[in-house]
C-alpha cells in the first residue's frame, strides 16, 4: 500500500477450500476483515455430522465474526450488511447470488475472484470445463460484481498454462493461490483509486455448467484425446469412471496418451506400460494408459498396484474384467 491509502474495512464472502488462500492473504494484509459470510454448516462424512465450511473454520481461528444467512435478499440481512459500513466486499466462491442493492452497499463496491480468463468460462465449474475443452491456458480475474453471472468489468488478471499433467485438483490448488494474489493486487488498486475496470468482450463468452456426477461416465468408443481430458477434468471429483459389466464403477484419476495405434476393438485391455500403467484401446485406435485408478470400494492407487493384485487378460474387454 502507498502512504495515501488507508486500510480498508472488508467483508469477505466465501465458502470452500478454494477461497481460503484469499481470506488468509487478507488476514495477513494491512486491511481489516470485519466480518465473514459463508454457507451454512452441512452434514458430511460417514457420521453425517454438521460441518462448518472451510472459510468459517479459518475465520473463527482468527476470531473474525462469521455468519451464514440462508439468503442475503431479505431486508434483515441487507440491514445487517449495511450496518457493517464496509468499504469493500470481497467474494470468492460464496455460493449465493448478491442482488444489486447489496452490491451497492460498500463504498468501493464488490470485487469477485473468478478462476478463468473472462469472458471464457463464466459460471460454476471453470476449472473442470477448461481442462475438458483442452484449453492450453487459464487464469484468474478480479472482477467488479454486477447482478449478471460473472459479467462485471475486470480490473486485474493473471494467467497460467494448463499442462498435460494437470488435473482439476492440481489446477484448483494453483488457481486458489493465484486468486489470492490477483485479488490482493486488485484491492491495492482499488484502495489507491488506481483501478481501471475493463468491460468484458461480447465475443468468446462460454459457460461452465455445474458438474453432474452422471456425466463422469467414460465411453471408451470416444477418441483418446477426449477421454484423457475427461479423466483429468473430473479428477478427483466426481471421478471419471468406467462402468464394469459387474455393475461396479472403476474410477480413472490420471492417464497418458501413448504413441502409436491399436487395431483392437475399443475398450480392449492391450497390456501394461513400461511404468506399470493399464493400457486400453480407444474408439479412434488410440491407446490410453491409466496411471492412477480407484476400484469400487477401494482407495485411490497406482494402476500398477491394481494390476499386481488383479492380473488382466490381454486382448479381452476391460469392462468384463474390472
Protein backbone atom coordinates (compact mmCIF):
# COMPACT_ATOMS: atom_id res chain seq x y z
CA UNK A 1 0.00 0.00 0.00
CA UNK A 2 1.07 3.58 -0.52
CA UNK A 3 1.13 6.06 2.36
CA UNK A 4 -2.01 7.70 0.99
CA UNK A 5 -4.24 4.65 1.16
CA UNK A 6 -5.85 3.78 4.44
CA UNK A 7 -6.59 0.16 5.39
CA UNK A 8 -9.99 -0.91 4.09
CA UNK A 9 -12.78 -2.41 6.15
CA UNK A 10 -13.60 -5.59 4.21
CA UNK A 11 -16.46 -8.07 4.41
CA UNK A 12 -15.31 -11.37 2.95
CA UNK A 13 -17.77 -13.81 1.37
CA UNK A 14 -16.68 -17.34 0.50
CA UNK A 15 -17.18 -20.97 1.41
CA UNK A 16 -14.92 -23.78 0.08
CA UNK A 17 -11.20 -24.56 0.35
CA UNK A 18 -10.62 -22.62 -2.86
CA UNK A 19 -11.43 -19.35 -1.05
CA UNK A 20 -9.12 -19.97 1.93
CA UNK A 21 -5.84 -18.66 0.44
CA UNK A 22 -7.55 -15.35 -0.35
CA UNK A 23 -9.00 -14.95 3.12
CA UNK A 24 -5.65 -15.85 4.69
CA UNK A 25 -3.85 -13.33 2.49
CA UNK A 26 -6.30 -10.61 3.52
CA UNK A 27 -5.91 -11.53 7.19
CA UNK A 28 -2.15 -11.16 6.74
CA UNK A 29 -2.55 -7.81 4.98
CA UNK A 30 -2.95 -4.35 6.49
CA UNK A 31 -6.70 -4.37 5.77
CA UNK A 32 -9.37 -5.12 8.34
CA UNK A 33 -11.59 -8.18 7.84
CA UNK A 34 -14.59 -7.05 9.84
CA UNK A 35 -16.97 -9.89 9.01
CA UNK A 36 -17.16 -13.14 7.03
CA UNK A 37 -20.24 -14.56 5.29
CA UNK A 38 -20.28 -18.20 4.26
CA UNK A 39 -22.60 -21.12 3.54
CA UNK A 40 -24.39 -22.77 6.49
CA UNK A 41 -22.93 -25.89 8.13
CA UNK A 42 -23.94 -29.08 6.35
CA UNK A 43 -23.95 -32.78 7.18
CA UNK A 44 -20.85 -34.50 5.83
CA UNK A 45 -18.64 -37.50 6.39
CA UNK A 46 -19.52 -41.02 7.46
CA UNK A 47 -21.27 -39.87 10.61
CA UNK A 48 -23.13 -37.12 8.69
CA UNK A 49 -22.27 -34.65 11.44
CA UNK A 50 -22.74 -30.97 10.60
CA UNK A 51 -19.51 -29.36 9.48
CA UNK A 52 -18.76 -25.68 9.07
CA UNK A 53 -17.30 -24.53 5.77
CA UNK A 54 -13.50 -24.26 5.47
CA UNK A 55 -13.90 -20.47 5.37
CA UNK A 56 -15.94 -20.45 8.60
CA UNK A 57 -13.30 -22.55 10.32
CA UNK A 58 -10.48 -20.28 9.13
CA UNK A 59 -12.30 -17.11 10.19
CA UNK A 60 -13.09 -18.50 13.64
CA UNK A 61 -9.44 -19.45 14.18
CA UNK A 62 -8.65 -15.76 13.70
CA UNK A 63 -11.57 -14.54 15.85
CA UNK A 64 -13.35 -12.93 12.92
CA UNK A 65 -17.16 -12.73 13.27
CA UNK A 66 -18.90 -15.22 10.95
CA UNK A 67 -22.50 -15.56 9.82
CA UNK A 68 -24.22 -17.88 7.34
CA UNK A 69 -27.51 -16.37 6.18
CA UNK A 70 -29.72 -18.59 4.04
CA UNK A 71 -30.26 -15.59 1.77
CA UNK A 72 -28.98 -12.03 1.50
CA UNK A 73 -32.12 -10.84 -0.27
CA UNK A 74 -34.36 -10.30 2.76
CA UNK A 75 -34.49 -6.90 4.45
CA UNK A 76 -32.98 -8.10 7.73
CA UNK A 77 -29.87 -9.48 6.01
CA UNK A 78 -29.49 -6.27 4.00
CA UNK A 79 -29.75 -4.15 7.15
CA UNK A 80 -27.10 -6.25 8.88
CA UNK A 81 -24.73 -5.86 5.95
CA UNK A 82 -25.41 -2.14 5.71
CA UNK A 83 -24.67 -1.72 9.42
CA UNK A 84 -21.15 -3.11 8.93
CA UNK A 85 -20.29 0.01 6.86
CA UNK A 86 -17.78 -1.93 4.78
CA UNK A 87 -15.52 -0.20 2.28
CA UNK A 88 -15.45 -3.30 0.09
CA UNK A 89 -16.99 -6.75 -0.29
CA UNK A 90 -14.54 -9.43 -1.45
CA UNK A 91 -16.20 -12.54 -2.86
CA UNK A 92 -14.65 -15.91 -3.74
CA UNK A 93 -16.86 -18.95 -4.41
CA UNK A 94 -19.51 -17.80 -1.93
CA UNK A 95 -22.45 -19.73 -3.35
CA UNK A 96 -25.20 -17.13 -3.01
CA UNK A 97 -26.33 -14.58 -5.60
CA UNK A 98 -25.87 -10.99 -4.41
CA UNK A 99 -28.66 -8.65 -5.56
CA UNK A 100 -27.85 -5.23 -6.95
CA UNK A 101 -28.90 -3.40 -3.78
CA UNK A 102 -26.42 -5.49 -1.74
CA UNK A 103 -23.60 -4.98 -4.23
CA UNK A 104 -24.14 -1.22 -3.91
CA UNK A 105 -23.69 -1.14 -0.12
CA UNK A 106 -19.88 -0.84 0.18
CA UNK A 107 -18.19 2.43 -0.70
CA UNK A 108 -15.99 0.70 -3.29
CA UNK A 109 -18.46 -1.94 -4.37
CA UNK A 110 -17.84 -5.69 -4.50
CA UNK A 111 -14.92 -7.48 -6.16
CA UNK A 112 -15.01 -11.16 -7.10
CA UNK A 113 -12.17 -13.60 -7.72
CA UNK A 114 -13.04 -15.94 -10.60
CA UNK A 115 -10.94 -18.90 -11.80
CA UNK A 116 -10.94 -18.29 -15.55
CA UNK A 117 -9.97 -15.71 -18.13
CA UNK A 118 -13.31 -13.99 -18.54
CA UNK A 119 -15.46 -13.93 -20.59
CA UNK A 120 -14.42 -17.56 -21.16
CA UNK A 121 -15.94 -19.96 -18.63
CA UNK A 122 -18.39 -17.87 -16.71
CA UNK A 123 -20.26 -19.95 -14.16
CA UNK A 124 -19.87 -22.76 -11.66
CA UNK A 125 -17.09 -25.08 -12.91
CA UNK A 126 -14.48 -23.10 -14.87
CA UNK A 127 -11.53 -25.29 -13.81
CA UNK A 128 -13.06 -28.58 -14.92
CA UNK A 129 -14.50 -27.18 -18.14
CA UNK A 130 -11.21 -25.61 -19.20
CA UNK A 131 -9.41 -28.96 -18.89
CA UNK A 132 -12.26 -30.84 -20.54
CA UNK A 133 -12.21 -28.45 -23.51
CA UNK A 134 -8.46 -28.79 -23.97
CA UNK A 135 -7.63 -25.16 -23.16
CA UNK A 136 -3.88 -24.57 -23.02
CA UNK A 137 -4.15 -21.54 -20.74
CA UNK A 138 -6.35 -20.26 -17.96
CA UNK A 139 -6.00 -17.85 -15.07
CA UNK A 140 -7.83 -15.70 -12.58
CA UNK A 141 -9.74 -12.44 -12.84
CA UNK A 142 -10.59 -9.82 -10.25
CA UNK A 143 -13.96 -8.56 -11.43
CA UNK A 144 -16.22 -5.81 -10.14
CA UNK A 145 -19.52 -7.52 -9.48
CA UNK A 146 -22.79 -6.89 -11.27
CA UNK A 147 -26.07 -8.72 -10.88
CA UNK A 148 -25.36 -10.81 -14.01
CA UNK A 149 -23.44 -14.10 -13.88
CA UNK A 150 -19.73 -13.17 -13.96
CA UNK A 151 -20.41 -10.29 -16.34
CA UNK A 152 -18.74 -7.42 -14.49
CA UNK A 153 -15.74 -5.38 -15.66
CA UNK A 154 -12.30 -6.87 -14.94
CA UNK A 155 -9.70 -4.86 -13.07
CA UNK A 156 -6.83 -7.37 -12.79
CA UNK A 157 -5.86 -10.70 -14.38
CA UNK A 158 -3.14 -13.33 -14.05
CA UNK A 159 -2.56 -16.32 -16.33
CA UNK A 160 -1.14 -19.83 -16.07
CA UNK A 161 -0.65 -22.62 -18.62
CA UNK A 162 -2.67 -25.84 -18.37
CA UNK A 163 -0.15 -28.66 -18.67
CA UNK A 164 -0.69 -32.20 -19.93
CA UNK A 165 -0.30 -33.44 -16.35
CA UNK A 166 -2.80 -31.03 -14.80
CA UNK A 167 -5.94 -32.40 -13.23
CA UNK A 168 -8.80 -30.44 -11.71
CA UNK A 169 -7.07 -30.96 -8.35
CA UNK A 170 -3.67 -29.54 -9.33
CA UNK A 171 -5.19 -26.66 -11.27
CA UNK A 172 -7.61 -25.93 -8.40
CA UNK A 173 -4.74 -25.51 -5.94
CA UNK A 174 -2.66 -23.37 -8.31
CA UNK A 175 -5.59 -21.11 -9.14
CA UNK A 176 -6.62 -20.81 -5.49
CA UNK A 177 -3.21 -19.32 -4.69
CA UNK A 178 -3.29 -17.21 -7.85
CA UNK A 179 -6.75 -15.88 -6.98
CA UNK A 180 -5.39 -14.69 -3.64
CA UNK A 181 -2.57 -12.81 -5.36
CA UNK A 182 -4.83 -11.40 -8.07
CA UNK A 183 -7.39 -10.10 -5.58
CA UNK A 184 -4.83 -8.64 -3.18
CA UNK A 185 -3.22 -6.71 -6.03
CA UNK A 186 -6.64 -5.60 -7.26
CA UNK A 187 -7.60 -4.43 -3.78
CA UNK A 188 -4.50 -2.26 -3.64
CA UNK A 189 -5.53 -0.68 -6.93
CA UNK A 190 -8.99 0.00 -5.53
CA UNK A 191 -7.62 1.35 -2.25
CA UNK A 192 -5.41 3.78 -4.14
CA UNK A 193 -8.05 4.83 -6.65
CA UNK A 194 -5.95 3.34 -9.46
CA UNK A 195 -8.25 0.54 -10.63
CA UNK A 196 -9.33 0.74 -14.27
CA UNK A 197 -12.32 -1.56 -14.87
CA UNK A 198 -12.36 -3.01 -18.39
CA UNK A 199 -15.66 -4.26 -19.75
CA UNK A 200 -15.72 -7.87 -20.89
CA UNK A 201 -15.88 -8.58 -24.60
CA UNK A 202 -19.17 -9.79 -26.02
CA UNK A 203 -17.16 -12.30 -28.08
CA UNK A 204 -15.74 -15.52 -26.70
CA UNK A 205 -18.34 -15.96 -23.96
CA UNK A 206 -18.63 -19.55 -22.73
CA UNK A 207 -20.43 -21.01 -19.73
CA UNK A 208 -19.01 -23.55 -17.30
CA UNK A 209 -22.02 -25.64 -16.35
CA UNK A 210 -22.10 -27.23 -12.92
CA UNK A 211 -20.58 -30.72 -12.85
CA UNK A 212 -23.11 -33.54 -12.74
CA UNK A 213 -21.96 -36.91 -11.40
CA UNK A 214 -23.64 -38.79 -14.24
CA UNK A 215 -21.51 -37.04 -16.89
CA UNK A 216 -18.34 -38.52 -15.37
CA UNK A 217 -19.01 -41.85 -17.12
CA UNK A 218 -16.35 -42.74 -19.71
CA UNK A 219 -17.29 -44.02 -23.15
CA UNK A 220 -14.24 -45.86 -24.48
CA UNK A 221 -15.67 -45.60 -28.01
CA UNK A 222 -14.60 -41.94 -27.97
CA UNK A 223 -11.23 -40.68 -29.18
CA UNK A 224 -8.19 -40.94 -26.92
CA UNK A 225 -7.65 -37.16 -26.57
CA UNK A 226 -11.22 -36.53 -25.40
CA UNK A 227 -11.02 -39.42 -22.93
CA UNK A 228 -7.76 -38.20 -21.39
CA UNK A 229 -9.13 -34.67 -20.99
CA UNK A 230 -12.32 -36.06 -19.47
CA UNK A 231 -10.38 -38.08 -16.89
CA UNK A 232 -8.21 -35.16 -15.82
CA UNK A 233 -11.12 -32.70 -15.76
CA UNK A 234 -13.08 -34.84 -13.29
CA UNK A 235 -10.16 -35.86 -11.06
CA UNK A 236 -10.61 -36.23 -8.15
CA UNK A 237 -14.31 -35.28 -8.10
CA UNK A 238 -16.59 -36.79 -9.12
CA UNK A 239 -14.05 -39.10 -10.71
CA UNK A 240 -14.38 -40.26 -14.33
CA UNK A 241 -15.36 -43.93 -14.33
CA UNK A 242 -15.74 -46.99 -16.48
CA UNK A 243 -18.85 -48.98 -15.58
CA UNK A 244 -17.79 -52.61 -15.44
CA UNK A 245 -20.03 -55.46 -16.55
CA UNK A 246 -20.16 -56.34 -12.83
CA UNK A 247 -22.10 -53.11 -12.24
CA UNK A 248 -19.19 -51.62 -10.30
CA UNK A 249 -17.57 -48.29 -11.07
CA UNK A 250 -13.85 -48.26 -11.84
CA UNK A 251 -12.60 -44.70 -11.44
CA UNK A 252 -9.82 -43.36 -13.62
CA UNK A 253 -7.93 -40.48 -11.98
CA UNK A 254 -4.93 -39.79 -14.24
CA UNK A 255 -3.98 -41.01 -17.69
CA UNK A 256 -1.46 -40.65 -20.51
CA UNK A 257 -1.86 -40.90 -24.27
CA UNK A 258 0.53 -43.44 -25.81
CA UNK A 259 2.25 -43.11 -29.17
CA UNK A 260 1.04 -45.38 -31.93
CA UNK A 261 -2.29 -47.07 -32.50
CA UNK A 262 -4.12 -50.26 -31.67
CA UNK A 263 -6.10 -52.45 -34.03
CA UNK A 264 -8.07 -53.89 -31.14
CA UNK A 265 -11.72 -53.09 -30.56
CA UNK A 266 -12.34 -50.01 -28.39
CA UNK A 267 -12.30 -50.89 -24.69
CA UNK A 268 -9.85 -53.78 -25.04
CA UNK A 269 -7.09 -54.22 -22.45
CA UNK A 270 -3.89 -54.13 -24.53
CA UNK A 271 -1.31 -54.65 -21.80
CA UNK A 272 0.81 -52.94 -19.17
CA UNK A 273 3.03 -49.99 -19.98
CA UNK A 274 6.72 -49.88 -19.08
CA UNK A 275 5.91 -47.88 -15.95
CA UNK A 276 3.12 -50.23 -14.89
CA UNK A 277 0.10 -48.39 -16.26
CA UNK A 278 -3.05 -50.05 -17.56
CA UNK A 279 -3.37 -49.56 -21.32
CA UNK A 280 -6.69 -49.70 -23.15
CA UNK A 281 -7.68 -49.15 -26.78
CA UNK A 282 -9.99 -46.27 -27.67
CA UNK A 283 -12.53 -45.57 -30.39
CA UNK A 284 -10.11 -43.83 -32.75
CA UNK A 285 -7.43 -46.51 -32.41
CA UNK A 286 -5.51 -44.52 -29.84
CA UNK A 287 -4.11 -46.12 -26.71
CA UNK A 288 -4.83 -44.61 -23.31
CA UNK A 289 -2.76 -45.65 -20.30
CA UNK A 290 -4.45 -45.31 -16.93
CA UNK A 291 -1.91 -44.32 -14.26
CA UNK A 292 -3.97 -43.74 -11.10
CA UNK A 293 -7.20 -45.63 -10.55
CA UNK A 294 -9.78 -46.32 -7.85
CA UNK A 295 -11.62 -49.65 -7.97
CA UNK A 296 -15.06 -49.77 -6.34
CA UNK A 297 -14.80 -49.86 -2.55
CA UNK A 298 -11.04 -49.15 -2.59
CA UNK A 299 -8.83 -46.14 -2.05
CA UNK A 300 -7.05 -44.50 -4.99
CA UNK A 301 -4.00 -46.48 -6.09
CA UNK A 302 -1.44 -46.78 -8.84
CA UNK A 303 -2.67 -48.83 -11.77
CA UNK A 304 0.48 -50.91 -11.34
CA UNK A 305 -0.60 -51.87 -7.83
CA UNK A 306 -4.09 -52.72 -9.08
CA UNK A 307 -2.68 -54.99 -11.79
CA UNK A 308 -0.34 -56.63 -9.31
CA UNK A 309 -3.34 -57.70 -7.28
CA UNK A 310 -5.59 -58.46 -10.24
CA UNK A 311 -3.85 -59.51 -13.48
CA UNK A 312 -5.96 -58.87 -16.57
CA UNK A 313 -6.16 -60.86 -19.78
CA UNK A 314 -4.69 -59.03 -22.77
CA UNK A 315 -6.98 -58.84 -25.78
CA UNK A 316 -10.17 -59.04 -23.72
CA UNK A 317 -12.65 -56.30 -22.85
CA UNK A 318 -11.59 -54.19 -19.88
CA UNK A 319 -15.20 -53.81 -18.75
CA UNK A 320 -15.52 -57.61 -18.45
CA UNK A 321 -12.56 -57.79 -16.09
CA UNK A 322 -12.79 -54.85 -13.71
